[in-house]
Amino acid sequence: MAQTTRRAFLAFSASLAATPVLTSISFADGHADHIVEIKGHSFSPANLVVKAGETVEFINRDGAPHTATADNGAFDTGRLGRNDVGMIKIDAAGTYGYFCAVHPNMRGEITVEA
């Protein structure tokens, strides 16, 4: 009985390892026009200029969880763990300040041109 249970467990574990896990939140189509890395408890680049309709990918390189949350609520990547990716797309021109909801002193800004 123990052998069968162990064998079943190993087969189940192997199937989990082969199954891709969705760890990103995507508001876009999976193609990023711009990348912002989160590392050292800061956004890099902290200030970004994009065109309306372009996508921005946030990648958390820190061990701590982070978010990219717009001051005005226009976007929120949700909580990103290490190496998690959140992708956003902003269609309306304007300037969007954003912060990390976990570490509010982390700030950035995206300027969207028409």
PDB file of N, CA and C in Angstrom:
ATOM      1  N   MET A   1       0.811  -1.188   0.000  1.00  0.00           N
ATOM      2  CA  MET A   1       0.000   0.000   0.000  1.00  0.00           C
ATOM      3  C   MET A   1       0.864   1.266   0.000  1.00  0.00           C
ATOM      4  N   ALA A   2       1.897   1.293   0.864  1.00  0.00           N
ATOM      5  CA  ALA A   2       2.766   2.462   0.927  1.00  0.00           C
ATOM      6  C   ALA A   2       3.475   2.697  -0.404  1.00  0.00           C
ATOM      7  N   GLN A   3       3.877   1.635  -1.095  1.00  0.00           N
ATOM      8  CA  GLN A   3       4.542   1.742  -2.391  1.00  0.00           C
ATOM      9  C   GLN A   3       3.607   2.377  -3.420  1.00  0.00           C
ATOM     10  N   THR A   4       2.357   1.938  -3.445  1.00  0.00           N
ATOM     11  CA  THR A   4       1.381   2.503  -4.379  1.00  0.00           C
ATOM     12  C   THR A   4       1.150   3.980  -4.084  1.00  0.00           C
ATOM     13  N   THR A   5       1.029   4.337  -2.832  1.00  0.00           N
ATOM     14  CA  THR A   5       0.809   5.723  -2.452  1.00  0.00           C
ATOM     15  C   THR A   5       2.001   6.581  -2.853  1.00  0.00           C
ATOM     16  N   ARG A   6       3.194   6.077  -2.601  1.00  0.00           N
ATOM     17  CA  ARG A   6       4.398   6.817  -2.966  1.00  0.00           C
ATOM     18  C   ARG A   6       4.491   6.997  -4.477  1.00  0.00           C
ATOM     19  N   ARG A   7       4.202   5.944  -5.222  1.00  0.00           N
ATOM     20  CA  ARG A   7       4.243   5.998  -6.685  1.00  0.00           C
ATOM     21  C   ARG A   7       3.214   7.012  -7.202  1.00  0.00           C
ATOM     22  N   ALA A   8       2.018   6.983  -6.654  1.00  0.00           N
ATOM     23  CA  ALA A   8       0.979   7.930  -7.069  1.00  0.00           C
ATOM     24  C   ALA A   8       1.399   9.361  -6.748  1.00  0.00           C
ATOM     25  N   PHE A   9       1.990   9.548  -5.580  1.00  0.00           N
ATOM     26  CA  PHE A   9       2.456  10.881  -5.196  1.00  0.00           C
ATOM     27  C   PHE A   9       3.533  11.380  -6.153  1.00  0.00           C
ATOM     28  N   LEU A  10       4.502  10.536  -6.492  1.00  0.00           N
ATOM     29  CA  LEU A  10       5.572  10.935  -7.407  1.00  0.00           C
ATOM     30  C   LEU A  10       5.027  11.267  -8.795  1.00  0.00           C
ATOM     31  N   ALA A  11       4.068  10.492  -9.263  1.00  0.00           N
ATOM     32  CA  ALA A  11       3.457  10.764 -10.572  1.00  0.00           C
ATOM     33  C   ALA A  11       2.717  12.095 -10.539  1.00  0.00           C
ATOM     34  N   PHE A  12       1.988  12.337  -9.459  1.00  0.00           N
ATOM     35  CA  PHE A  12       1.256  13.599  -9.302  1.00  0.00           C
ATOM     36  C   PHE A  12       2.228  14.774  -9.248  1.00  0.00           C
ATOM     37  N   SER A  13       3.304  14.642  -8.495  1.00  0.00           N
ATOM     38  CA  SER A  13       4.305  15.703  -8.381  1.00  0.00           C
ATOM     39  C   SER A  13       4.930  16.011  -9.729  1.00  0.00           C
ATOM     40  N   ALA A  14       5.237  14.986 -10.494  1.00  0.00           N
ATOM     41  CA  ALA A  14       5.828  15.184 -11.818  1.00  0.00           C
ATOM     42  C   ALA A  14       4.868  15.914 -12.742  1.00  0.00           C
ATOM     43  N   SER A  15       3.580  15.601 -12.647  1.00  0.00           N
ATOM     44  CA  SER A  15       2.607  16.279 -13.501  1.00  0.00           C
ATOM     45  C   SER A  15       2.488  17.752 -13.127  1.00  0.00           C
ATOM     46  N   LEU A  16       2.618  18.088 -11.848  1.00  0.00           N
ATOM     47  CA  LEU A  16       2.577  19.490 -11.428  1.00  0.00           C
ATOM     48  C   LEU A  16       3.779  20.261 -11.959  1.00  0.00           C
ATOM     49  N   ALA A  17       4.938  19.636 -11.934  1.00  0.00           N
ATOM     50  CA  ALA A  17       6.153  20.292 -12.409  1.00  0.00           C
ATOM     51  C   ALA A  17       6.058  20.596 -13.897  1.00  0.00           C
ATOM     52  N   ALA A  18       5.355  19.786 -14.646  1.00  0.00           N
ATOM     53  CA  ALA A  18       5.238  19.973 -16.091  1.00  0.00           C
ATOM     54  C   ALA A  18       4.102  20.920 -16.466  1.00  0.00           C
ATOM     55  N   THR A  19       3.257  21.262 -15.500  1.00  0.00           N
ATOM     56  CA  THR A  19       2.118  22.129 -15.770  1.00  0.00           C
ATOM     57  C   THR A  19       2.520  23.584 -15.603  1.00  0.00           C
ATOM     58  N   PRO A  20       2.353  24.421 -16.637  1.00  0.00           N
ATOM     59  CA  PRO A  20       2.691  25.829 -16.480  1.00  0.00           C
ATOM     60  C   PRO A  20       1.739  26.487 -15.484  1.00  0.00           C
ATOM     61  N   VAL A  21       2.305  27.359 -14.669  1.00  0.00           N
ATOM     62  CA  VAL A  21       1.516  28.056 -13.661  1.00  0.00           C
ATOM     63  C   VAL A  21       1.393  29.508 -14.078  1.00  0.00           C
ATOM     64  N   LEU A  22       0.189  30.018 -14.109  1.00  0.00           N
ATOM     65  CA  LEU A  22      -0.037  31.413 -14.451  1.00  0.00           C
ATOM     66  C   LEU A  22       0.268  32.259 -13.233  1.00  0.00           C
ATOM     67  N   THR A  23       1.332  33.040 -13.310  1.00  0.00           N
ATOM     68  CA  THR A  23       1.719  33.867 -12.176  1.00  0.00           C
ATOM     69  C   THR A  23       1.617  35.342 -12.508  1.00  0.00           C
ATOM     70  N   SER A  24       1.125  35.661 -13.676  1.00  0.00           N
ATOM     71  CA  SER A  24       1.053  37.064 -14.034  1.00  0.00           C
ATOM     72  C   SER A  24      -0.390  37.519 -14.169  1.00  0.00           C
ATOM     73  N   ILE A  25      -0.552  38.802 -14.024  1.00  0.00           N
ATOM     74  CA  ILE A  25      -1.842  39.426 -14.254  1.00  0.00           C
ATOM     75  C   ILE A  25      -1.692  40.190 -15.555  1.00  0.00           C
ATOM     76  N   SER A  26      -2.550  39.957 -16.487  1.00  0.00           N
ATOM     77  CA  SER A  26      -2.385  40.586 -17.784  1.00  0.00           C
ATOM     78  C   SER A  26      -3.629  41.347 -18.184  1.00  0.00           C
ATOM     79  N   PHE A  27      -3.443  42.603 -18.501  1.00  0.00           N
ATOM     80  CA  PHE A  27      -4.512  43.414 -19.043  1.00  0.00           C
ATOM     81  C   PHE A  27      -4.263  43.661 -20.526  1.00  0.00           C
ATOM     82  N   ALA A  28      -3.197  43.062 -21.048  1.00  0.00           N
ATOM     83  CA  ALA A  28      -2.829  43.255 -22.442  1.00  0.00           C
ATOM     84  C   ALA A  28      -2.761  41.900 -23.135  1.00  0.00           C
ATOM     85  N   ASP A  29      -2.200  41.881 -24.330  1.00  0.00           N
ATOM     86  CA  ASP A  29      -2.203  40.664 -25.138  1.00  0.00           C
ATOM     87  C   ASP A  29      -0.961  39.800 -24.967  1.00  0.00           C
ATOM     88  N   GLY A  30      -0.098  40.089 -24.005  1.00  0.00           N
ATOM     89  CA  GLY A  30       1.087  39.277 -23.782  1.00  0.00           C
ATOM     90  C   GLY A  30       2.343  39.843 -24.419  1.00  0.00           C
ATOM     91  N   HIS A  31       2.243  40.921 -25.187  1.00  0.00           N
ATOM     92  CA  HIS A  31       3.393  41.561 -25.809  1.00  0.00           C
ATOM     93  C   HIS A  31       3.632  42.898 -25.117  1.00  0.00           C
ATOM     94  N   ALA A  32       4.825  43.107 -24.601  1.00  0.00           N
ATOM     95  CA  ALA A  32       5.135  44.350 -23.902  1.00  0.00           C
ATOM     96  C   ALA A  32       5.913  45.300 -24.800  1.00  0.00           C
ATOM     97  N   ASP A  33       5.462  46.546 -24.851  1.00  0.00           N
ATOM     98  CA  ASP A  33       6.196  47.591 -25.561  1.00  0.00           C
ATOM     99  C   ASP A  33       7.279  48.194 -24.672  1.00  0.00           C
ATOM    100  N   HIS A  34       7.055  48.159 -23.344  1.00  0.00           N
ATOM    101  CA  HIS A  34       7.986  48.736 -22.373  1.00  0.00           C
ATOM    102  C   HIS A  34       8.083  47.807 -21.170  1.00  0.00           C
ATOM    103  N   ILE A  35       9.239  47.804 -20.515  1.00  0.00           N
ATOM    104  CA  ILE A  35       9.440  46.981 -19.327  1.00  0.00           C
ATOM    105  C   ILE A  35       9.906  47.863 -18.175  1.00  0.00           C
ATOM    106  N   VAL A  36       9.270  47.673 -17.028  1.00  0.00           N
ATOM    107  CA  VAL A  36       9.692  48.325 -15.789  1.00  0.00           C
ATOM    108  C   VAL A  36      10.069  47.214 -14.823  1.00  0.00           C
ATOM    109  N   GLU A  37      11.326  47.218 -14.386  1.00  0.00           N
ATOM    110  CA  GLU A  37      11.758  46.228 -13.402  1.00  0.00           C
ATOM    111  C   GLU A  37      11.584  46.818 -12.003  1.00  0.00           C
ATOM    112  N   ILE A  38      11.156  45.959 -11.106  1.00  0.00           N
ATOM    113  CA  ILE A  38      11.045  46.334  -9.700  1.00  0.00           C
ATOM    114  C   ILE A  38      12.208  45.649  -9.000  1.00  0.00           C
ATOM    115  N   LYS A  39      13.170  46.456  -8.555  1.00  0.00           N
ATOM    116  CA  LYS A  39      14.341  45.883  -7.890  1.00  0.00           C
ATOM    117  C   LYS A  39      14.897  46.901  -6.912  1.00  0.00           C
ATOM    118  N   GLY A  40      15.422  46.396  -5.800  1.00  0.00           N
ATOM    119  CA  GLY A  40      15.942  47.295  -4.782  1.00  0.00           C
ATOM    120  C   GLY A  40      14.873  48.203  -4.211  1.00  0.00           C
ATOM    121  N   HIS A  41      13.643  47.698  -4.173  1.00  0.00           N
ATOM    122  CA  HIS A  41      12.492  48.459  -3.675  1.00  0.00           C
ATOM    123  C   HIS A  41      12.309  49.777  -4.441  1.00  0.00           C
ATOM    124  N   SER A  42      12.479  49.706  -5.765  1.00  0.00           N
ATOM    125  CA  SER A  42      12.215  50.866  -6.614  1.00  0.00           C
ATOM    126  C   SER A  42      11.816  50.389  -8.007  1.00  0.00           C
ATOM    127  N   PHE A  43      11.173  51.280  -8.748  1.00  0.00           N
ATOM    128  CA  PHE A  43      10.773  51.009 -10.124  1.00  0.00           C
ATOM    129  C   PHE A  43      11.875  51.524 -11.049  1.00  0.00           C
ATOM    130  N   SER A  44      12.242  50.730 -12.042  1.00  0.00           N
ATOM    131  CA  SER A  44      13.302  51.123 -12.956  1.00  0.00           C
ATOM    132  C   SER A  44      12.900  50.825 -14.394  1.00  0.00           C
ATOM    133  N   PRO A  45      12.656  51.849 -15.215  1.00  0.00           N
ATOM    134  CA  PRO A  45      12.776  53.257 -14.882  1.00  0.00           C
ATOM    135  C   PRO A  45      11.584  53.726 -14.048  1.00  0.00           C
ATOM    136  N   ALA A  46      11.823  54.736 -13.239  1.00  0.00           N
ATOM    137  CA  ALA A  46      10.751  55.276 -12.387  1.00  0.00           C
ATOM    138  C   ALA A  46       9.814  56.176 -13.190  1.00  0.00           C
ATOM    139  N   ASN A  47      10.340  56.818 -14.235  1.00  0.00           N
ATOM    140  CA  ASN A  47       9.540  57.687 -15.099  1.00  0.00           C
ATOM    141  C   ASN A  47       9.611  57.150 -16.520  1.00  0.00           C
ATOM    142  N   LEU A  48       8.456  56.978 -17.115  1.00  0.00           N
ATOM    143  CA  LEU A  48       8.367  56.349 -18.421  1.00  0.00           C
ATOM    144  C   LEU A  48       7.407  57.137 -19.297  1.00  0.00           C
ATOM    145  N   VAL A  49       7.748  57.307 -20.570  1.00  0.00           N
ATOM    146  CA  VAL A  49       6.871  57.944 -21.548  1.00  0.00           C
ATOM    147  C   VAL A  49       6.481  56.900 -22.575  1.00  0.00           C
ATOM    148  N   VAL A  50       5.171  56.713 -22.777  1.00  0.00           N
ATOM    149  CA  VAL A  50       4.660  55.726 -23.725  1.00  0.00           C
ATOM    150  C   VAL A  50       3.614  56.387 -24.611  1.00  0.00           C
ATOM    151  N   LYS A  51       3.262  55.723 -25.670  1.00  0.00           N
ATOM    152  CA  LYS A  51       2.175  56.185 -26.538  1.00  0.00           C
ATOM    153  C   LYS A  51       0.883  55.489 -26.102  1.00  0.00           C
ATOM    154  N   ALA A  52      -0.242  56.143 -26.305  1.00  0.00           N
ATOM    155  CA  ALA A  52      -1.540  55.562 -25.962  1.00  0.00           C
ATOM    156  C   ALA A  52      -1.688  54.212 -26.649  1.00  0.00           C
ATOM    157  N   GLY A  53      -2.128  53.223 -25.895  1.00  0.00           N
ATOM    158  CA  GLY A  53      -2.335  51.885 -26.421  1.00  0.00           C
ATOM    159  C   GLY A  53      -1.139  50.966 -26.281  1.00  0.00           C
ATOM    160  N   GLU A  54       0.024  51.496 -25.923  1.00  0.00           N
ATOM    161  CA  GLU A  54       1.187  50.636 -25.716  1.00  0.00           C
ATOM    162  C   GLU A  54       1.072  49.922 -24.373  1.00  0.00           C
ATOM    163  N   THR A  55       1.806  48.835 -24.251  1.00  0.00           N
ATOM    164  CA  THR A  55       1.749  48.041 -23.026  1.00  0.00           C
ATOM    165  C   THR A  55       3.026  48.224 -22.208  1.00  0.00           C
ATOM    166  N   VAL A  56       2.857  48.101 -20.896  1.00  0.00           N
ATOM    167  CA  VAL A  56       3.975  48.190 -19.962  1.00  0.00           C
ATOM    168  C   VAL A  56       3.960  46.916 -19.120  1.00  0.00           C
ATOM    169  N   GLU A  57       5.104  46.265 -19.065  1.00  0.00           N
ATOM    170  CA  GLU A  57       5.256  45.040 -18.282  1.00  0.00           C
ATOM    171  C   GLU A  57       6.067  45.373 -17.025  1.00  0.00           C
ATOM    172  N   PHE A  58       5.512  45.015 -15.879  1.00  0.00           N
ATOM    173  CA  PHE A  58       6.211  45.176 -14.609  1.00  0.00           C
ATOM    174  C   PHE A  58       6.731  43.806 -14.188  1.00  0.00           C
ATOM    175  N   ILE A  59       8.032  43.713 -13.908  1.00  0.00           N
ATOM    176  CA  ILE A  59       8.644  42.460 -13.471  1.00  0.00           C
ATOM    177  C   ILE A  59       9.242  42.685 -12.087  1.00  0.00           C
ATOM    178  N   ASN A  60       8.801  41.896 -11.116  1.00  0.00           N
ATOM    179  CA  ASN A  60       9.329  42.021  -9.761  1.00  0.00           C
ATOM    180  C   ASN A  60      10.593  41.173  -9.619  1.00  0.00           C
ATOM    181  N   ARG A  61      11.732  41.815  -9.448  1.00  0.00           N
ATOM    182  CA  ARG A  61      13.007  41.123  -9.264  1.00  0.00           C
ATOM    183  C   ARG A  61      13.390  41.018  -7.781  1.00  0.00           C
ATOM    184  N   ASP A  62      12.575  41.606  -6.908  1.00  0.00           N
ATOM    185  CA  ASP A  62      12.844  41.560  -5.471  1.00  0.00           C
ATOM    186  C   ASP A  62      12.262  40.305  -4.841  1.00  0.00           C
ATOM    187  N   GLY A  63      12.756  39.963  -3.677  1.00  0.00           N
ATOM    188  CA  GLY A  63      12.196  38.857  -2.905  1.00  0.00           C
ATOM    189  C   GLY A  63      10.893  39.239  -2.237  1.00  0.00           C
ATOM    190  N   ALA A  64      10.707  40.524  -1.993  1.00  0.00           N
ATOM    191  CA  ALA A  64       9.482  41.018  -1.353  1.00  0.00           C
ATOM    192  C   ALA A  64       8.388  41.206  -2.396  1.00  0.00           C
ATOM    193  N   PRO A  65       7.117  41.053  -2.018  1.00  0.00           N
ATOM    194  CA  PRO A  65       6.022  41.299  -2.956  1.00  0.00           C
ATOM    195  C   PRO A  65       5.857  42.800  -3.218  1.00  0.00           C
ATOM    196  N   HIS A  66       5.403  43.120  -4.421  1.00  0.00           N
ATOM    197  CA  HIS A  66       5.169  44.514  -4.804  1.00  0.00           C
ATOM    198  C   HIS A  66       3.934  44.597  -5.699  1.00  0.00           C
ATOM    199  N   THR A  67       3.427  45.814  -5.861  1.00  0.00           N
ATOM    200  CA  THR A  67       2.385  46.097  -6.845  1.00  0.00           C
ATOM    201  C   THR A  67       2.810  47.326  -7.636  1.00  0.00           C
ATOM    202  N   ALA A  68       2.128  47.577  -8.739  1.00  0.00           N
ATOM    203  CA  ALA A  68       2.190  48.856  -9.439  1.00  0.00           C
ATOM    204  C   ALA A  68       0.739  49.303  -9.514  1.00  0.00           C
ATOM    205  N   THR A  69       0.391  50.259  -8.680  1.00  0.00           N
ATOM    206  CA  THR A  69      -0.996  50.684  -8.500  1.00  0.00           C
ATOM    207  C   THR A  69      -1.114  52.167  -8.819  1.00  0.00           C
ATOM    208  N   ALA A  70      -1.946  52.514  -9.803  1.00  0.00           N
ATOM    209  CA  ALA A  70      -2.112  53.910 -10.203  1.00  0.00           C
ATOM    210  C   ALA A  70      -2.777  54.708  -9.084  1.00  0.00           C
ATOM    211  N   ASP A  71      -2.298  55.929  -8.890  1.00  0.00           N
ATOM    212  CA  ASP A  71      -2.872  56.821  -7.877  1.00  0.00           C
ATOM    213  C   ASP A  71      -4.370  57.022  -8.102  1.00  0.00           C
ATOM    214  N   ASN A  72      -4.775  57.099  -9.374  1.00  0.00           N
ATOM    215  CA  ASN A  72      -6.183  57.370  -9.699  1.00  0.00           C
ATOM    216  C   ASN A  72      -6.996  56.103  -9.951  1.00  0.00           C
ATOM    217  N   GLY A  73      -6.405  54.932  -9.714  1.00  0.00           N
ATOM    218  CA  GLY A  73      -7.124  53.673  -9.897  1.00  0.00           C
ATOM    219  C   GLY A  73      -7.192  53.178 -11.332  1.00  0.00           C
ATOM    220  N   ALA A  74      -6.475  53.816 -12.257  1.00  0.00           N
ATOM    221  CA  ALA A  74      -6.539  53.436 -13.673  1.00  0.00           C
ATOM    222  C   ALA A  74      -5.970  52.043 -13.924  1.00  0.00           C
ATOM    223  N   PHE A  75      -5.015  51.611 -13.111  1.00  0.00           N
ATOM    224  CA  PHE A  75      -4.455  50.264 -13.264  1.00  0.00           C
ATOM    225  C   PHE A  75      -3.920  49.773 -11.929  1.00  0.00           C
ATOM    226  N   ASP A  76      -3.802  48.466 -11.838  1.00  0.00           N
ATOM    227  CA  ASP A  76      -3.226  47.810 -10.663  1.00  0.00           C
ATOM    228  C   ASP A  76      -2.780  46.421 -11.096  1.00  0.00           C
ATOM    229  N   THR A  77      -1.509  46.137 -10.949  1.00  0.00           N
ATOM    230  CA  THR A  77      -0.994  44.827 -11.355  1.00  0.00           C
ATOM    231  C   THR A  77      -1.400  43.732 -10.383  1.00  0.00           C
ATOM    232  N   GLY A  78      -1.867  44.114  -9.206  1.00  0.00           N
ATOM    233  CA  GLY A  78      -2.075  43.132  -8.160  1.00  0.00           C
ATOM    234  C   GLY A  78      -0.732  42.802  -7.537  1.00  0.00           C
ATOM    235  N   ARG A  79      -0.748  41.954  -6.555  1.00  0.00           N
ATOM    236  CA  ARG A  79       0.459  41.603  -5.802  1.00  0.00           C
ATOM    237  C   ARG A  79       1.349  40.690  -6.647  1.00  0.00           C
ATOM    238  N   LEU A  80       2.598  41.110  -6.857  1.00  0.00           N
ATOM    239  CA  LEU A  80       3.558  40.357  -7.656  1.00  0.00           C
ATOM    240  C   LEU A  80       4.657  39.808  -6.750  1.00  0.00           C
ATOM    241  N   GLY A  81       4.854  38.497  -6.762  1.00  0.00           N
ATOM    242  CA  GLY A  81       5.960  37.870  -6.043  1.00  0.00           C
ATOM    243  C   GLY A  81       7.223  37.941  -6.880  1.00  0.00           C
ATOM    244  N   ARG A  82       8.299  37.362  -6.379  1.00  0.00           N
ATOM    245  CA  ARG A  82       9.578  37.364  -7.097  1.00  0.00           C
ATOM    246  C   ARG A  82       9.397  36.785  -8.504  1.00  0.00           C
ATOM    247  N   ASN A  83       9.875  37.522  -9.504  1.00  0.00           N
ATOM    248  CA  ASN A  83       9.845  37.165 -10.923  1.00  0.00           C
ATOM    249  C   ASN A  83       8.445  37.089 -11.518  1.00  0.00           C
ATOM    250  N   ASP A  84       7.429  37.520 -10.778  1.00  0.00           N
ATOM    251  CA  ASP A  84       6.080  37.606 -11.346  1.00  0.00           C
ATOM    252  C   ASP A  84       6.006  38.819 -12.263  1.00  0.00           C
ATOM    253  N   VAL A  85       5.097  38.746 -13.209  1.00  0.00           N
ATOM    254  CA  VAL A  85       4.940  39.789 -14.216  1.00  0.00           C
ATOM    255  C   VAL A  85       3.505  40.292 -14.200  1.00  0.00           C
ATOM    256  N   GLY A  86       3.348  41.594 -14.267  1.00  0.00           N
ATOM    257  CA  GLY A  86       2.044  42.217 -14.433  1.00  0.00           C
ATOM    258  C   GLY A  86       2.108  43.121 -15.645  1.00  0.00           C
ATOM    259  N   MET A  87       1.146  43.003 -16.532  1.00  0.00           N
ATOM    260  CA  MET A  87       1.169  43.788 -17.761  1.00  0.00           C
ATOM    261  C   MET A  87      -0.065  44.672 -17.818  1.00  0.00           C
ATOM    262  N   ILE A  88       0.140  45.935 -18.180  1.00  0.00           N
ATOM    263  CA  ILE A  88      -0.972  46.878 -18.281  1.00  0.00           C
ATOM    264  C   ILE A  88      -0.945  47.550 -19.651  1.00  0.00           C
ATOM    265  N   LYS A  89      -2.071  48.118 -20.007  1.00  0.00           N
ATOM    266  CA  LYS A  89      -2.202  48.891 -21.245  1.00  0.00           C
ATOM    267  C   LYS A  89      -3.030  50.119 -20.909  1.00  0.00           C
ATOM    268  N   ILE A  90      -2.532  51.298 -21.256  1.00  0.00           N
ATOM    269  CA  ILE A  90      -3.246  52.542 -20.978  1.00  0.00           C
ATOM    270  C   ILE A  90      -3.591  53.191 -22.311  1.00  0.00           C
ATOM    271  N   ASP A  91      -4.860  53.416 -22.524  1.00  0.00           N
ATOM    272  CA  ASP A  91      -5.316  53.983 -23.788  1.00  0.00           C
ATOM    273  C   ASP A  91      -5.508  55.500 -23.749  1.00  0.00           C
ATOM    274  N   ALA A  92      -5.707  56.060 -22.573  1.00  0.00           N
ATOM    275  CA  ALA A  92      -5.990  57.493 -22.460  1.00  0.00           C
ATOM    276  C   ALA A  92      -4.722  58.276 -22.168  1.00  0.00           C
ATOM    277  N   ALA A  93      -4.511  59.355 -22.947  1.00  0.00           N
ATOM    278  CA  ALA A  93      -3.354  60.219 -22.728  1.00  0.00           C
ATOM    279  C   ALA A  93      -3.440  60.865 -21.347  1.00  0.00           C
ATOM    280  N   GLY A  94      -2.292  61.114 -20.773  1.00  0.00           N
ATOM    281  CA  GLY A  94      -2.237  61.752 -19.465  1.00  0.00           C
ATOM    282  C   GLY A  94      -1.015  61.297 -18.699  1.00  0.00           C
ATOM    283  N   THR A  95      -0.897  61.781 -17.483  1.00  0.00           N
ATOM    284  CA  THR A  95       0.200  61.398 -16.609  1.00  0.00           C
ATOM    285  C   THR A  95      -0.370  60.591 -15.459  1.00  0.00           C
ATOM    286  N   TYR A  96       0.194  59.423 -15.240  1.00  0.00           N
ATOM    287  CA  TYR A  96      -0.305  58.483 -14.238  1.00  0.00           C
ATOM    288  C   TYR A  96       0.779  58.215 -13.205  1.00  0.00           C
ATOM    289  N   GLY A  97       0.610  58.790 -12.027  1.00  0.00           N
ATOM    290  CA  GLY A  97       1.486  58.454 -10.926  1.00  0.00           C
ATOM    291  C   GLY A  97       1.083  57.087 -10.400  1.00  0.00           C
ATOM    292  N   TYR A  98       2.050  56.327  -9.925  1.00  0.00           N
ATOM    293  CA  TYR A  98       1.727  55.013  -9.355  1.00  0.00           C
ATOM    294  C   TYR A  98       2.654  54.710  -8.195  1.00  0.00           C
ATOM    295  N   PHE A  99       2.293  53.717  -7.406  1.00  0.00           N
ATOM    296  CA  PHE A  99       3.033  53.354  -6.206  1.00  0.00           C
ATOM    297  C   PHE A  99       2.895  51.864  -5.957  1.00  0.00           C
ATOM    298  N   CYS A 100       3.660  51.368  -5.001  1.00  0.00           N
ATOM    299  CA  CYS A 100       3.521  49.987  -4.551  1.00  0.00           C
ATOM    300  C   CYS A 100       2.597  49.991  -3.342  1.00  0.00           C
ATOM    301  N   ALA A 101       1.510  49.252  -3.401  1.00  0.00           N
ATOM    302  CA  ALA A 101       0.550  49.215  -2.300  1.00  0.00           C
ATOM    303  C   ALA A 101       1.147  48.571  -1.050  1.00  0.00           C
ATOM    304  N   VAL A 102       2.160  47.740  -1.221  1.00  0.00           N
ATOM    305  CA  VAL A 102       2.817  47.093  -0.078  1.00  0.00           C
ATOM    306  C   VAL A 102       3.845  48.037   0.542  1.00  0.00           C
ATOM    307  N   HIS A 103       4.507  48.822  -0.299  1.00  0.00           N
ATOM    308  CA  HIS A 103       5.548  49.761   0.135  1.00  0.00           C
ATOM    309  C   HIS A 103       5.228  51.130  -0.483  1.00  0.00           C
ATOM    310  N   PRO A 104       4.314  51.895   0.116  1.00  0.00           N
ATOM    311  CA  PRO A 104       3.818  53.140  -0.497  1.00  0.00           C
ATOM    312  C   PRO A 104       4.882  54.192  -0.801  1.00  0.00           C
ATOM    313  N   ASN A 105       6.071  54.070  -0.224  1.00  0.00           N
ATOM    314  CA  ASN A 105       7.130  55.039  -0.543  1.00  0.00           C
ATOM    315  C   ASN A 105       7.742  54.764  -1.916  1.00  0.00           C
ATOM    316  N   MET A 106       7.479  53.604  -2.496  1.00  0.00           N
ATOM    317  CA  MET A 106       7.943  53.304  -3.849  1.00  0.00           C
ATOM    318  C   MET A 106       6.989  53.983  -4.829  1.00  0.00           C
ATOM    319  N   ARG A 107       7.543  54.858  -5.688  1.00  0.00           N
ATOM    320  CA  ARG A 107       6.692  55.627  -6.596  1.00  0.00           C
ATOM    321  C   ARG A 107       7.271  55.650  -8.002  1.00  0.00           C
ATOM    322  N   GLY A 108       6.398  55.825  -8.964  1.00  0.00           N
ATOM    323  CA  GLY A 108       6.792  55.972 -10.349  1.00  0.00           C
ATOM    324  C   GLY A 108       5.765  56.796 -11.094  1.00  0.00           C
ATOM    325  N   GLU A 109       6.041  57.061 -12.361  1.00  0.00           N
ATOM    326  CA  GLU A 109       5.113  57.855 -13.166  1.00  0.00           C
ATOM    327  C   GLU A 109       5.190  57.409 -14.624  1.00  0.00           C
ATOM    328  N   ILE A 110       4.038  57.272 -15.220  1.00  0.00           N
ATOM    329  CA  ILE A 110       3.944  56.944 -16.647  1.00  0.00           C
ATOM    330  C   ILE A 110       3.226  58.102 -17.330  1.00  0.00           C
ATOM    331  N   THR A 111       3.860  58.667 -18.338  1.00  0.00           N
ATOM    332  CA  THR A 111       3.231  59.702 -19.155  1.00  0.00           C
ATOM    333  C   THR A 111       2.808  59.050 -20.461  1.00  0.00           C
ATOM    334  N   VAL A 112       1.521  59.155 -20.755  1.00  0.00           N
ATOM    335  CA  VAL A 112       0.965  58.549 -21.968  1.00  0.00           C
ATOM    336  C   VAL A 112       0.668  59.670 -22.961  1.00  0.00           C
ATOM    337  N   GLU A 113       1.321  59.576 -24.115  1.00  0.00           N
ATOM    338  CA  GLU A 113       1.106  60.559 -25.190  1.00  0.00           C
ATOM    339  C   GLU A 113       0.071  60.016 -26.165  1.00  0.00           C
ATOM    340  N   ALA A 114      -0.729  60.920 -26.717  1.00  0.00           N
ATOM    341  CA  ALA A 114      -1.756  60.518 -27.680  1.00  0.00           C
ATOM    342  C   ALA A 114      -1.154  60.015 -28.953  1.00  0.00           C
TER     343      ALA A 114
END
